[in-house]
Amino acid sequence: MFDADGRCVERLPCGESSLPTNCCFGGDDGRTLFVTDAGGGRVLAFELGVAGLPLFPFR
C-alpha cells in the first residue's frame, strides 16, 4: 500500500522468490485479497480489514 506521496507504507509477505502478477478481492465479504504468484506457481490469499471495490461487468 502506498500513501498519497507514493511512499510504501505496507507490504504483504509474499515470500523471497515471489513474482506477484495479478490480484483481486473476493470471499464472502470481499475482504480477501487473492494474489497470483508466478515465481512460486501459486495463489496467495490475505484476509484484509477492508473490502475491495466492486467490479463492473463488461457491456
PDB file of N, CA and C in Angstrom:
ATOM      1  N   MET A   1       0.852  -1.153   0.000  1.00  0.00           N
ATOM      2  CA  MET A   1       0.000   0.000   0.000  1.00  0.00           C
ATOM      3  C   MET A   1       0.905   1.225   0.000  1.00  0.00           C
ATOM      4  N   PHE A   2       0.477   2.246  -0.748  1.00  0.00           N
ATOM      5  CA  PHE A   2       1.248   3.475  -0.865  1.00  0.00           C
ATOM      6  C   PHE A   2       0.421   4.650  -0.355  1.00  0.00           C
ATOM      7  N   ASP A   3       1.098   5.638   0.223  1.00  0.00           N
ATOM      8  CA  ASP A   3       0.384   6.832   0.662  1.00  0.00           C
ATOM      9  C   ASP A   3       0.262   7.824  -0.495  1.00  0.00           C
ATOM     10  N   ALA A   4      -0.328   8.971  -0.237  1.00  0.00           N
ATOM     11  CA  ALA A   4      -0.575   9.967  -1.287  1.00  0.00           C
ATOM     12  C   ALA A   4       0.711  10.501  -1.910  1.00  0.00           C
ATOM     13  N   ASP A   5       1.832  10.399  -1.198  1.00  0.00           N
ATOM     14  CA  ASP A   5       3.112  10.866  -1.720  1.00  0.00           C
ATOM     15  C   ASP A   5       3.897   9.776  -2.442  1.00  0.00           C
ATOM     16  N   GLY A   6       3.311   8.579  -2.550  1.00  0.00           N
ATOM     17  CA  GLY A   6       3.960   7.478  -3.266  1.00  0.00           C
ATOM     18  C   GLY A   6       4.904   6.648  -2.420  1.00  0.00           C
ATOM     19  N   ARG A   7       4.914   6.850  -1.098  1.00  0.00           N
ATOM     20  CA  ARG A   7       5.767   6.055  -0.216  1.00  0.00           C
ATOM     21  C   ARG A   7       5.066   4.752   0.159  1.00  0.00           C
ATOM     22  N   CYS A   8       5.822   3.669   0.164  1.00  0.00           N
ATOM     23  CA  CYS A   8       5.288   2.369   0.578  1.00  0.00           C
ATOM     24  C   CYS A   8       5.067   2.393   2.081  1.00  0.00           C
ATOM     25  N   VAL A   9       3.832   2.126   2.512  1.00  0.00           N
ATOM     26  CA  VAL A   9       3.513   2.138   3.939  1.00  0.00           C
ATOM     27  C   VAL A   9       3.159   0.756   4.469  1.00  0.00           C
ATOM     28  N   GLU A  10       2.880  -0.178   3.567  1.00  0.00           N
ATOM     29  CA  GLU A  10       2.590  -1.553   3.995  1.00  0.00           C
ATOM     30  C   GLU A  10       2.886  -2.501   2.849  1.00  0.00           C
ATOM     31  N   ARG A  11       3.434  -3.674   3.203  1.00  0.00           N
ATOM     32  CA  ARG A  11       3.791  -4.678   2.195  1.00  0.00           C
ATOM     33  C   ARG A  11       3.292  -6.041   2.673  1.00  0.00           C
ATOM     34  N   LEU A  12       2.697  -6.812   1.793  1.00  0.00           N
ATOM     35  CA  LEU A  12       2.213  -8.143   2.149  1.00  0.00           C
ATOM     36  C   LEU A  12       3.344  -9.160   1.983  1.00  0.00           C
ATOM     37  N   PRO A  13       3.440 -10.129   2.893  1.00  0.00           N
ATOM     38  CA  PRO A  13       4.525 -11.108   2.834  1.00  0.00           C
ATOM     39  C   PRO A  13       4.253 -12.203   1.799  1.00  0.00           C
ATOM     40  N   CYS A  14       4.764 -12.017   0.605  1.00  0.00           N
ATOM     41  CA  CYS A  14       4.554 -12.993  -0.471  1.00  0.00           C
ATOM     42  C   CYS A  14       5.693 -14.004  -0.573  1.00  0.00           C
ATOM     43  N   GLY A  15       6.830 -13.734   0.061  1.00  0.00           N
ATOM     44  CA  GLY A  15       7.967 -14.646   0.018  1.00  0.00           C
ATOM     45  C   GLY A  15       9.121 -14.069  -0.788  1.00  0.00           C
ATOM     46  N   GLU A  16      10.316 -14.589  -0.524  1.00  0.00           N
ATOM     47  CA  GLU A  16      11.550 -14.093  -1.138  1.00  0.00           C
ATOM     48  C   GLU A  16      11.555 -14.185  -2.658  1.00  0.00           C
ATOM     49  N   SER A  17      11.193 -15.317  -3.212  1.00  0.00           N
ATOM     50  CA  SER A  17      11.287 -15.512  -4.667  1.00  0.00           C
ATOM     51  C   SER A  17       9.948 -15.311  -5.379  1.00  0.00           C
ATOM     52  N   SER A  18       9.028 -14.617  -4.742  1.00  0.00           N
ATOM     53  CA  SER A  18       7.706 -14.439  -5.344  1.00  0.00           C
ATOM     54  C   SER A  18       7.767 -13.418  -6.481  1.00  0.00           C
ATOM     55  N   LEU A  19       6.825 -13.560  -7.398  1.00  0.00           N
ATOM     56  CA  LEU A  19       6.659 -12.630  -8.506  1.00  0.00           C
ATOM     57  C   LEU A  19       5.158 -12.408  -8.679  1.00  0.00           C
ATOM     58  N   PRO A  20       4.557 -11.512  -7.866  1.00  0.00           N
ATOM     59  CA  PRO A  20       3.121 -11.259  -7.965  1.00  0.00           C
ATOM     60  C   PRO A  20       2.765 -10.715  -9.339  1.00  0.00           C
ATOM     61  N   THR A  21       1.725 -11.288  -9.953  1.00  0.00           N
ATOM     62  CA  THR A  21       1.353 -10.894 -11.310  1.00  0.00           C
ATOM     63  C   THR A  21      -0.043 -10.319 -11.423  1.00  0.00           C
ATOM     64  N   ASN A  22      -0.923 -10.624 -10.489  1.00  0.00           N
ATOM     65  CA  ASN A  22      -2.294 -10.124 -10.560  1.00  0.00           C
ATOM     66  C   ASN A  22      -2.933 -10.252  -9.190  1.00  0.00           C
ATOM     67  N   CYS A  23      -4.010  -9.514  -8.963  1.00  0.00           N
ATOM     68  CA  CYS A  23      -4.714  -9.627  -7.694  1.00  0.00           C
ATOM     69  C   CYS A  23      -6.174  -9.253  -7.881  1.00  0.00           C
ATOM     70  N   CYS A  24      -7.007  -9.743  -6.960  1.00  0.00           N
ATOM     71  CA  CYS A  24      -8.425  -9.399  -6.960  1.00  0.00           C
ATOM     72  C   CYS A  24      -8.976  -9.652  -5.561  1.00  0.00           C
ATOM     73  N   PHE A  25     -10.055  -8.955  -5.228  1.00  0.00           N
ATOM     74  CA  PHE A  25     -10.736  -9.162  -3.958  1.00  0.00           C
ATOM     75  C   PHE A  25     -11.836 -10.201  -4.151  1.00  0.00           C
ATOM     76  N   GLY A  26     -12.092 -10.984  -3.120  1.00  0.00           N
ATOM     77  CA  GLY A  26     -13.146 -11.987  -3.188  1.00  0.00           C
ATOM     78  C   GLY A  26     -13.514 -12.448  -1.794  1.00  0.00           C
ATOM     79  N   GLY A  27     -14.081 -13.620  -1.711  1.00  0.00           N
ATOM     80  CA  GLY A  27     -14.566 -14.145  -0.446  1.00  0.00           C
ATOM     81  C   GLY A  27     -15.987 -13.685  -0.188  1.00  0.00           C
ATOM     82  N   ASP A  28     -16.590 -14.198   0.866  1.00  0.00           N
ATOM     83  CA  ASP A  28     -17.988 -13.889   1.183  1.00  0.00           C
ATOM     84  C   ASP A  28     -18.232 -12.405   1.414  1.00  0.00           C
ATOM     85  N   ASP A  29     -17.256 -11.722   2.040  1.00  0.00           N
ATOM     86  CA  ASP A  29     -17.448 -10.307   2.359  1.00  0.00           C
ATOM     87  C   ASP A  29     -16.553  -9.380   1.542  1.00  0.00           C
ATOM     88  N   GLY A  30     -15.835  -9.920   0.560  1.00  0.00           N
ATOM     89  CA  GLY A  30     -14.980  -9.104  -0.299  1.00  0.00           C
ATOM     90  C   GLY A  30     -13.724  -8.591   0.382  1.00  0.00           C
ATOM     91  N   ARG A  31     -13.350  -9.194   1.521  1.00  0.00           N
ATOM     92  CA  ARG A  31     -12.188  -8.732   2.275  1.00  0.00           C
ATOM     93  C   ARG A  31     -10.980  -9.642   2.132  1.00  0.00           C
ATOM     94  N   THR A  32     -11.031 -10.586   1.207  1.00  0.00           N
ATOM     95  CA  THR A  32      -9.898 -11.462   0.949  1.00  0.00           C
ATOM     96  C   THR A  32      -9.232 -11.015  -0.344  1.00  0.00           C
ATOM     97  N   LEU A  33      -7.929 -10.735  -0.272  1.00  0.00           N
ATOM     98  CA  LEU A  33      -7.173 -10.357  -1.450  1.00  0.00           C
ATOM     99  C   LEU A  33      -6.461 -11.604  -1.968  1.00  0.00           C
ATOM    100  N   PHE A  34      -6.772 -12.006  -3.181  1.00  0.00           N
ATOM    101  CA  PHE A  34      -6.118 -13.140  -3.824  1.00  0.00           C
ATOM    102  C   PHE A  34      -5.034 -12.602  -4.747  1.00  0.00           C
ATOM    103  N   VAL A  35      -3.830 -13.175  -4.650  1.00  0.00           N
ATOM    104  CA  VAL A  35      -2.680 -12.724  -5.436  1.00  0.00           C
ATOM    105  C   VAL A  35      -2.084 -13.926  -6.161  1.00  0.00           C
ATOM    106  N   THR A  36      -1.922 -13.824  -7.486  1.00  0.00           N
ATOM    107  CA  THR A  36      -1.234 -14.884  -8.222  1.00  0.00           C
ATOM    108  C   THR A  36       0.263 -14.636  -8.140  1.00  0.00           C
ATOM    109  N   ASP A  37       1.015 -15.720  -7.932  1.00  0.00           N
ATOM    110  CA  ASP A  37       2.466 -15.646  -7.770  1.00  0.00           C
ATOM    111  C   ASP A  37       3.128 -16.511  -8.833  1.00  0.00           C
ATOM    112  N   ALA A  38       3.644 -15.872  -9.884  1.00  0.00           N
ATOM    113  CA  ALA A  38       4.287 -16.610 -10.969  1.00  0.00           C
ATOM    114  C   ALA A  38       5.611 -17.221 -10.515  1.00  0.00           C
ATOM    115  N   GLY A  39       6.274 -16.604  -9.544  1.00  0.00           N
ATOM    116  CA  GLY A  39       7.543 -17.123  -9.055  1.00  0.00           C
ATOM    117  C   GLY A  39       7.391 -18.461  -8.346  1.00  0.00           C
ATOM    118  N   GLY A  40       6.300 -18.644  -7.637  1.00  0.00           N
ATOM    119  CA  GLY A  40       6.075 -19.877  -6.890  1.00  0.00           C
ATOM    120  C   GLY A  40       4.986 -20.759  -7.476  1.00  0.00           C
ATOM    121  N   GLY A  41       4.314 -20.282  -8.541  1.00  0.00           N
ATOM    122  CA  GLY A  41       3.242 -21.062  -9.155  1.00  0.00           C
ATOM    123  C   GLY A  41       2.091 -21.318  -8.190  1.00  0.00           C
ATOM    124  N   ARG A  42       1.654 -20.287  -7.519  1.00  0.00           N
ATOM    125  CA  ARG A  42       0.607 -20.466  -6.502  1.00  0.00           C
ATOM    126  C   ARG A  42      -0.303 -19.244  -6.457  1.00  0.00           C
ATOM    127  N   VAL A  43      -1.388 -19.388  -5.719  1.00  0.00           N
ATOM    128  CA  VAL A  43      -2.297 -18.284  -5.446  1.00  0.00           C
ATOM    129  C   VAL A  43      -2.273 -18.054  -3.941  1.00  0.00           C
ATOM    130  N   LEU A  44      -2.003 -16.828  -3.552  1.00  0.00           N
ATOM    131  CA  LEU A  44      -1.952 -16.463  -2.137  1.00  0.00           C
ATOM    132  C   LEU A  44      -3.258 -15.789  -1.749  1.00  0.00           C
ATOM    133  N   ALA A  45      -3.656 -15.914  -0.504  1.00  0.00           N
ATOM    134  CA  ALA A  45      -4.874 -15.271  -0.012  1.00  0.00           C
ATOM    135  C   ALA A  45      -4.549 -14.534   1.280  1.00  0.00           C
ATOM    136  N   PHE A  46      -4.942 -13.259   1.345  1.00  0.00           N
ATOM    137  CA  PHE A  46      -4.713 -12.424   2.515  1.00  0.00           C
ATOM    138  C   PHE A  46      -6.046 -11.882   3.008  1.00  0.00           C
ATOM    139  N   GLU A  47      -6.335 -12.106   4.285  1.00  0.00           N
ATOM    140  CA  GLU A  47      -7.540 -11.545   4.898  1.00  0.00           C
ATOM    141  C   GLU A  47      -7.233 -10.107   5.288  1.00  0.00           C
ATOM    142  N   LEU A  48      -7.967  -9.157   4.720  1.00  0.00           N
ATOM    143  CA  LEU A  48      -7.720  -7.744   4.992  1.00  0.00           C
ATOM    144  C   LEU A  48      -8.853  -7.155   5.803  1.00  0.00           C
ATOM    145  N   GLY A  49      -8.614  -6.008   6.405  1.00  0.00           N
ATOM    146  CA  GLY A  49      -9.620  -5.356   7.227  1.00  0.00           C
ATOM    147  C   GLY A  49     -10.570  -4.470   6.437  1.00  0.00           C
ATOM    148  N   VAL A  50     -10.420  -4.444   5.124  1.00  0.00           N
ATOM    149  CA  VAL A  50     -11.278  -3.628   4.260  1.00  0.00           C
ATOM    150  C   VAL A  50     -11.733  -4.466   3.070  1.00  0.00           C
ATOM    151  N   ALA A  51     -12.867  -4.099   2.521  1.00  0.00           N
ATOM    152  CA  ALA A  51     -13.374  -4.784   1.332  1.00  0.00           C
ATOM    153  C   ALA A  51     -12.894  -4.052   0.085  1.00  0.00           C
ATOM    154  N   GLY A  52     -12.668  -4.803  -0.979  1.00  0.00           N
ATOM    155  CA  GLY A  52     -12.301  -4.202  -2.251  1.00  0.00           C
ATOM    156  C   GLY A  52     -13.513  -3.579  -2.920  1.00  0.00           C
ATOM    157  N   LEU A  53     -13.258  -2.714  -3.871  1.00  0.00           N
ATOM    158  CA  LEU A  53     -14.353  -2.097  -4.615  1.00  0.00           C
ATOM    159  C   LEU A  53     -14.979  -3.115  -5.556  1.00  0.00           C
ATOM    160  N   PRO A  54     -16.297  -3.040  -5.774  1.00  0.00           N
ATOM    161  CA  PRO A  54     -16.943  -3.989  -6.694  1.00  0.00           C
ATOM    162  C   PRO A  54     -16.527  -3.714  -8.135  1.00  0.00           C
ATOM    163  N   LEU A  55     -16.443  -4.773  -8.917  1.00  0.00           N
ATOM    164  CA  LEU A  55     -16.138  -4.647 -10.336  1.00  0.00           C
ATOM    165  C   LEU A  55     -17.423  -4.436 -11.133  1.00  0.00           C
ATOM    166  N   PHE A  56     -17.319  -3.714 -12.204  1.00  0.00           N
ATOM    167  CA  PHE A  56     -18.454  -3.514 -13.078  1.00  0.00           C
ATOM    168  C   PHE A  56     -18.372  -4.516 -14.221  1.00  0.00           C
ATOM    169  N   PRO A  57     -19.465  -5.161 -14.579  1.00  0.00           N
ATOM    170  CA  PRO A  57     -19.419  -6.141 -15.674  1.00  0.00           C
ATOM    171  C   PRO A  57     -19.182  -5.461 -17.007  1.00  0.00           C
ATOM    172  N   PHE A  58     -18.558  -6.201 -17.908  1.00  0.00           N
ATOM    173  CA  PHE A  58     -18.349  -5.680 -19.256  1.00  0.00           C
ATOM    174  C   PHE A  58     -19.697  -5.548 -19.945  1.00  0.00           C
ATOM    175  N   ARG A  59     -19.824  -4.587 -20.817  1.00  0.00           N
ATOM    176  CA  ARG A  59     -21.092  -4.373 -21.513  1.00  0.00           C
ATOM    177  C   ARG A  59     -21.033  -4.915 -22.904  1.00  0.00           C
TER     178      ARG A  59
END
